[in-house]
Amino acid sequence: MDLNQASGTTTAFYTLHSCDGEIALQISEILSLEEKARSQSWTKLIQGNPSLEQRLINQGISQPLKLDSISWDDSMILFLCSINVDEDGKPMGIGESLKREKFGRFPFDDGSLTSYIIEFLRPNVRVSKSNEVFERIIHLLRKLSSFNHNGDYTHPRFNGGMGGMNILGFLSLEEVIEIRRLLSGRNWSVASDEPLDGGVRDAIKHLLAMLRAAERIDSGVMHRAHL
């Protein structure tokens, strides 16, 4: 890829964190409910997840069963309750430092590798049913990049949280495995007007490296932007 073709400056650095994608989806749906249903669903979730209840207690929440007792905004709740942490209690990153760097700042437009793939990926017309596979790839990429609520990936609802918490989206472990397999096949092609020579292929290579790293530790992924 010819980096000299990249124009403008990037304004964000992007990271993938290890997370429980199923818990993240449950929490995101609860947080989209009206107040009464939201509180009841939260209590039910915590009662069924003792480890999550203990995590909240460790974070200083004295009444974890009561959502209104938690002062965090929705973005912080989603992050702190679904992220996987290491032995020191710090969020677990995905991949080695060099792989993170290549994923984190792509040399085009806003620096988002996933946005570039979404814009310039095309189905491989030489492969049967490639349109179906292509649509599934784009669906999963949008869930990772612009999650509003389940089935609506038009804009990232958990963007702009306290302390600069910008969550773009997430995938479960099953979805990580699925998109890794789909991108590893011959079901996609590249737009003829792609602005960076080899850009899509480079972007997919970097994304696959991160997906494989997540898969090795049996983990879903959470996508964040650091402005």
Protein backbone atom coordinates (compact mmCIF):
# COMPACT_ATOMS: atom_id res chain seq x y z
CA MET A 1 0.00 0.00 0.00
CA ASP A 2 1.29 3.45 -0.93
CA LEU A 3 1.05 5.51 2.24
CA ASN A 4 1.82 8.65 0.27
CA GLN A 5 -1.67 8.42 -1.19
CA ALA A 6 -3.22 8.90 2.22
CA SER A 7 -4.60 12.37 2.74
CA GLY A 8 -5.49 14.41 5.80
CA THR A 9 -4.63 13.68 9.41
CA THR A 10 -6.11 11.07 11.69
CA THR A 11 -7.98 12.25 14.75
CA ALA A 12 -8.38 9.00 16.66
CA PHE A 13 -6.56 5.84 17.64
CA TYR A 14 -8.65 2.67 17.58
CA THR A 15 -8.31 -0.31 19.89
CA LEU A 16 -9.87 -3.71 20.39
CA HIS A 17 -10.36 -4.95 23.95
CA SER A 18 -11.16 -8.41 25.19
CA CYS A 19 -14.80 -8.55 26.28
CA ASP A 20 -17.76 -10.81 26.91
CA GLY A 21 -19.81 -9.93 23.84
CA GLU A 22 -22.93 -11.72 25.09
CA ILE A 23 -22.98 -9.77 28.35
CA ALA A 24 -22.28 -6.58 26.39
CA LEU A 25 -25.32 -7.22 24.20
CA GLN A 26 -27.54 -7.94 27.21
CA ILE A 27 -26.42 -4.76 28.96
CA SER A 28 -26.80 -2.62 25.86
CA GLU A 29 -30.38 -3.83 25.41
CA ILE A 30 -31.22 -3.23 29.06
CA LEU A 31 -29.86 0.31 28.88
CA SER A 32 -32.13 1.06 25.91
CA LEU A 33 -35.31 0.28 27.89
CA GLU A 34 -37.57 2.77 29.63
CA GLU A 35 -36.82 3.40 33.30
CA LYS A 36 -38.98 0.79 35.06
CA ALA A 37 -38.18 -2.08 32.70
CA ARG A 38 -34.54 -1.03 32.70
CA SER A 39 -34.28 -1.27 36.49
CA GLN A 40 -36.08 -4.62 36.67
CA SER A 41 -34.04 -6.16 33.85
CA TRP A 42 -30.81 -4.93 35.43
CA THR A 43 -31.66 -6.54 38.77
CA LYS A 44 -32.45 -9.83 37.03
CA LEU A 45 -29.16 -9.69 35.09
CA ILE A 46 -27.06 -9.11 38.22
CA GLN A 47 -28.89 -11.78 40.21
CA GLY A 48 -28.02 -14.29 37.51
CA ASN A 49 -24.37 -13.25 37.30
CA PRO A 50 -22.60 -13.42 40.70
CA SER A 51 -19.22 -12.61 39.13
CA LEU A 52 -20.62 -9.41 37.63
CA GLU A 53 -22.15 -8.48 40.98
CA GLN A 54 -18.76 -8.98 42.65
CA ARG A 55 -17.02 -6.90 39.98
CA LEU A 56 -19.37 -4.00 40.68
CA ILE A 57 -18.77 -4.33 44.43
CA ASN A 58 -15.02 -4.28 43.77
CA GLN A 59 -15.55 -1.08 41.79
CA GLY A 60 -17.10 0.55 44.86
CA ILE A 61 -20.77 -0.01 44.02
CA SER A 62 -22.49 -0.79 47.33
CA GLN A 63 -25.86 -1.78 45.83
CA PRO A 64 -25.10 -3.44 42.49
CA LEU A 65 -28.65 -4.79 42.12
CA LYS A 66 -29.97 -1.24 41.87
CA LEU A 67 -29.08 0.42 38.59
CA ASP A 68 -30.01 3.88 39.87
CA SER A 69 -27.33 3.54 42.57
CA ILE A 70 -24.61 3.49 39.88
CA SER A 71 -23.41 6.97 38.98
CA TRP A 72 -21.64 5.96 35.76
CA ASP A 73 -23.12 6.85 32.39
CA ASP A 74 -24.26 4.15 29.97
CA SER A 75 -20.94 3.97 28.11
CA MET A 76 -18.99 3.41 31.31
CA ILE A 77 -21.47 0.83 32.58
CA LEU A 78 -21.17 -1.12 29.33
CA PHE A 79 -17.39 -0.96 29.36
CA LEU A 80 -16.72 -1.81 33.01
CA CYS A 81 -19.30 -4.60 33.16
CA SER A 82 -18.42 -6.46 29.95
CA ILE A 83 -14.69 -5.94 29.51
CA ASN A 84 -12.30 -8.75 30.45
CA VAL A 85 -9.55 -7.76 32.86
CA ASP A 86 -6.11 -9.13 33.66
CA GLU A 87 -4.74 -10.18 37.06
CA ASP A 88 -4.16 -6.53 37.96
CA GLY A 89 -7.72 -5.59 37.11
CA LYS A 90 -6.72 -3.71 33.96
CA PRO A 91 -8.66 -4.03 30.67
CA MET A 92 -7.16 -6.74 28.47
CA GLY A 93 -6.00 -5.56 25.07
CA ILE A 94 -6.01 -7.77 22.00
CA GLY A 95 -2.87 -8.65 20.06
CA GLU A 96 0.76 -7.65 20.32
CA SER A 97 1.84 -4.01 20.35
CA LEU A 98 2.84 -3.91 16.67
CA LYS A 99 -0.47 -5.46 15.60
CA ARG A 100 -2.34 -2.98 17.78
CA GLU A 101 -0.49 -0.10 16.17
CA LYS A 102 -1.34 -1.28 12.65
CA PHE A 103 -4.97 -1.73 13.59
CA GLY A 104 -5.16 1.47 15.56
CA ARG A 105 -4.42 4.08 12.93
CA PHE A 106 -5.15 3.39 9.28
CA PRO A 107 -3.76 5.98 6.85
CA PHE A 108 -7.06 7.16 5.38
CA ASP A 109 -9.76 9.65 6.33
CA ASP A 110 -10.63 9.25 10.06
CA GLY A 111 -8.05 6.50 10.60
CA SER A 112 -10.63 3.73 11.02
CA LEU A 113 -9.56 0.47 9.45
CA THR A 114 -13.06 -1.01 9.69
CA SER A 115 -14.67 2.03 8.05
CA TYR A 116 -12.27 1.72 5.14
CA ILE A 117 -13.13 -1.96 4.66
CA ILE A 118 -16.88 -1.26 4.79
CA GLU A 119 -16.58 1.48 2.18
CA PHE A 120 -14.38 -0.32 -0.35
CA LEU A 121 -15.11 -4.04 0.10
CA ARG A 122 -17.16 -5.70 -2.64
CA PRO A 123 -18.59 -9.22 -3.21
CA ASN A 124 -16.60 -11.58 -5.39
CA VAL A 125 -18.91 -12.12 -8.37
CA ARG A 126 -16.94 -15.21 -9.40
CA VAL A 127 -18.03 -17.09 -6.26
CA SER A 128 -21.56 -18.43 -5.85
CA LYS A 129 -23.64 -16.87 -3.05
CA SER A 130 -20.91 -14.28 -2.51
CA ASN A 131 -23.54 -11.56 -2.07
CA GLU A 132 -24.97 -13.34 0.98
CA VAL A 133 -21.53 -13.74 2.49
CA PHE A 134 -20.66 -10.14 1.67
CA GLU A 135 -23.80 -8.85 3.39
CA ARG A 136 -22.99 -10.90 6.48
CA ILE A 137 -19.43 -9.52 6.59
CA ILE A 138 -20.72 -5.95 6.34
CA HIS A 139 -23.35 -6.67 9.00
CA LEU A 140 -20.71 -7.85 11.47
CA LEU A 141 -18.33 -5.00 10.62
CA ARG A 142 -21.10 -2.48 11.25
CA LYS A 143 -21.96 -4.11 14.57
CA LEU A 144 -18.30 -3.69 15.50
CA SER A 145 -18.11 -0.10 14.28
CA SER A 146 -21.49 1.61 14.76
CA PHE A 147 -23.60 -0.25 17.33
CA ASN A 148 -26.84 1.49 18.34
CA HIS A 149 -28.87 -1.47 19.58
CA ASN A 150 -29.32 -5.07 18.46
CA GLY A 151 -30.02 -5.07 14.73
CA ASP A 152 -29.49 -1.32 14.32
CA TYR A 153 -25.93 -0.44 13.44
CA THR A 154 -26.50 3.05 12.06
CA HIS A 155 -24.53 5.00 14.67
CA PRO A 156 -22.55 4.21 17.84
CA ARG A 157 -24.90 4.88 20.77
CA PHE A 158 -22.18 4.40 23.40
CA ASN A 159 -19.93 7.05 21.90
CA GLY A 160 -19.08 10.16 23.92
CA GLY A 161 -19.19 8.80 27.46
CA MET A 162 -17.58 10.21 30.59
CA GLY A 163 -13.82 10.47 30.55
CA GLY A 164 -13.75 10.19 26.76
CA MET A 165 -15.24 6.69 26.70
CA ASN A 166 -16.06 6.06 23.05
CA ILE A 167 -17.37 2.55 22.40
CA LEU A 168 -18.07 1.96 18.73
CA GLY A 169 -19.31 -1.62 18.93
CA PHE A 170 -18.51 -5.19 19.92
CA LEU A 171 -18.66 -8.82 18.79
CA SER A 172 -19.16 -12.05 20.69
CA LEU A 173 -16.60 -14.85 20.45
CA GLU A 174 -18.89 -16.69 18.03
CA GLU A 175 -19.06 -13.62 15.81
CA VAL A 176 -15.28 -13.16 16.01
CA ILE A 177 -14.84 -16.70 14.73
CA GLU A 178 -17.48 -16.21 12.04
CA ILE A 179 -16.11 -13.00 10.56
CA ARG A 180 -12.55 -14.31 10.73
CA ARG A 181 -13.60 -17.31 8.65
CA LEU A 182 -15.58 -15.20 6.18
CA LEU A 183 -12.75 -12.73 5.63
CA SER A 184 -10.26 -15.58 5.23
CA GLY A 185 -12.19 -16.98 2.26
CA ARG A 186 -12.55 -15.90 -1.37
CA ASN A 187 -15.98 -14.35 -0.98
CA TRP A 188 -14.94 -10.72 -1.26
CA SER A 189 -13.30 -8.41 -3.73
CA VAL A 190 -12.19 -4.78 -3.81
CA ALA A 191 -13.84 -1.69 -5.30
CA SER A 192 -12.28 -0.56 -8.56
CA ASP A 193 -12.04 3.00 -7.25
CA GLU A 194 -10.23 2.06 -4.03
CA PRO A 195 -8.02 5.08 -3.21
CA LEU A 196 -5.15 3.18 -1.58
CA ASP A 197 -3.37 0.56 -3.65
CA GLY A 198 -3.81 -2.70 -1.70
CA GLY A 199 -5.56 -0.85 1.13
CA VAL A 200 -8.45 -3.25 1.65
CA ARG A 201 -6.19 -6.27 1.64
CA ASP A 202 -3.82 -4.64 4.13
CA ALA A 203 -6.72 -3.59 6.33
CA ILE A 204 -8.19 -7.09 6.33
CA LYS A 205 -4.77 -8.57 7.09
CA HIS A 206 -4.43 -6.34 10.16
CA LEU A 207 -7.99 -7.02 11.28
CA LEU A 208 -7.54 -10.78 10.88
CA ALA A 209 -4.42 -10.66 13.06
CA MET A 210 -6.45 -9.07 15.84
CA LEU A 211 -9.38 -11.46 15.41
CA ARG A 212 -7.06 -14.46 15.61
CA ALA A 213 -5.50 -13.01 18.78
CA ALA A 214 -8.98 -12.74 20.33
CA GLU A 215 -9.90 -16.23 19.22
CA ARG A 216 -6.78 -17.67 20.84
CA ILE A 217 -7.98 -16.47 24.24
CA ASP A 218 -11.64 -17.39 23.58
CA SER A 219 -12.73 -13.77 23.69
CA GLY A 220 -15.16 -11.39 22.10
CA VAL A 221 -13.95 -7.91 21.18
CA MET A 222 -14.98 -4.35 21.99
CA HIS A 223 -14.01 -1.56 19.58
CA ARG A 224 -13.08 1.84 21.02
CA ALA A 225 -11.95 5.16 19.58
CA HIS A 226 -9.49 7.32 21.52
CA LEU A 227 -9.80 10.95 20.45
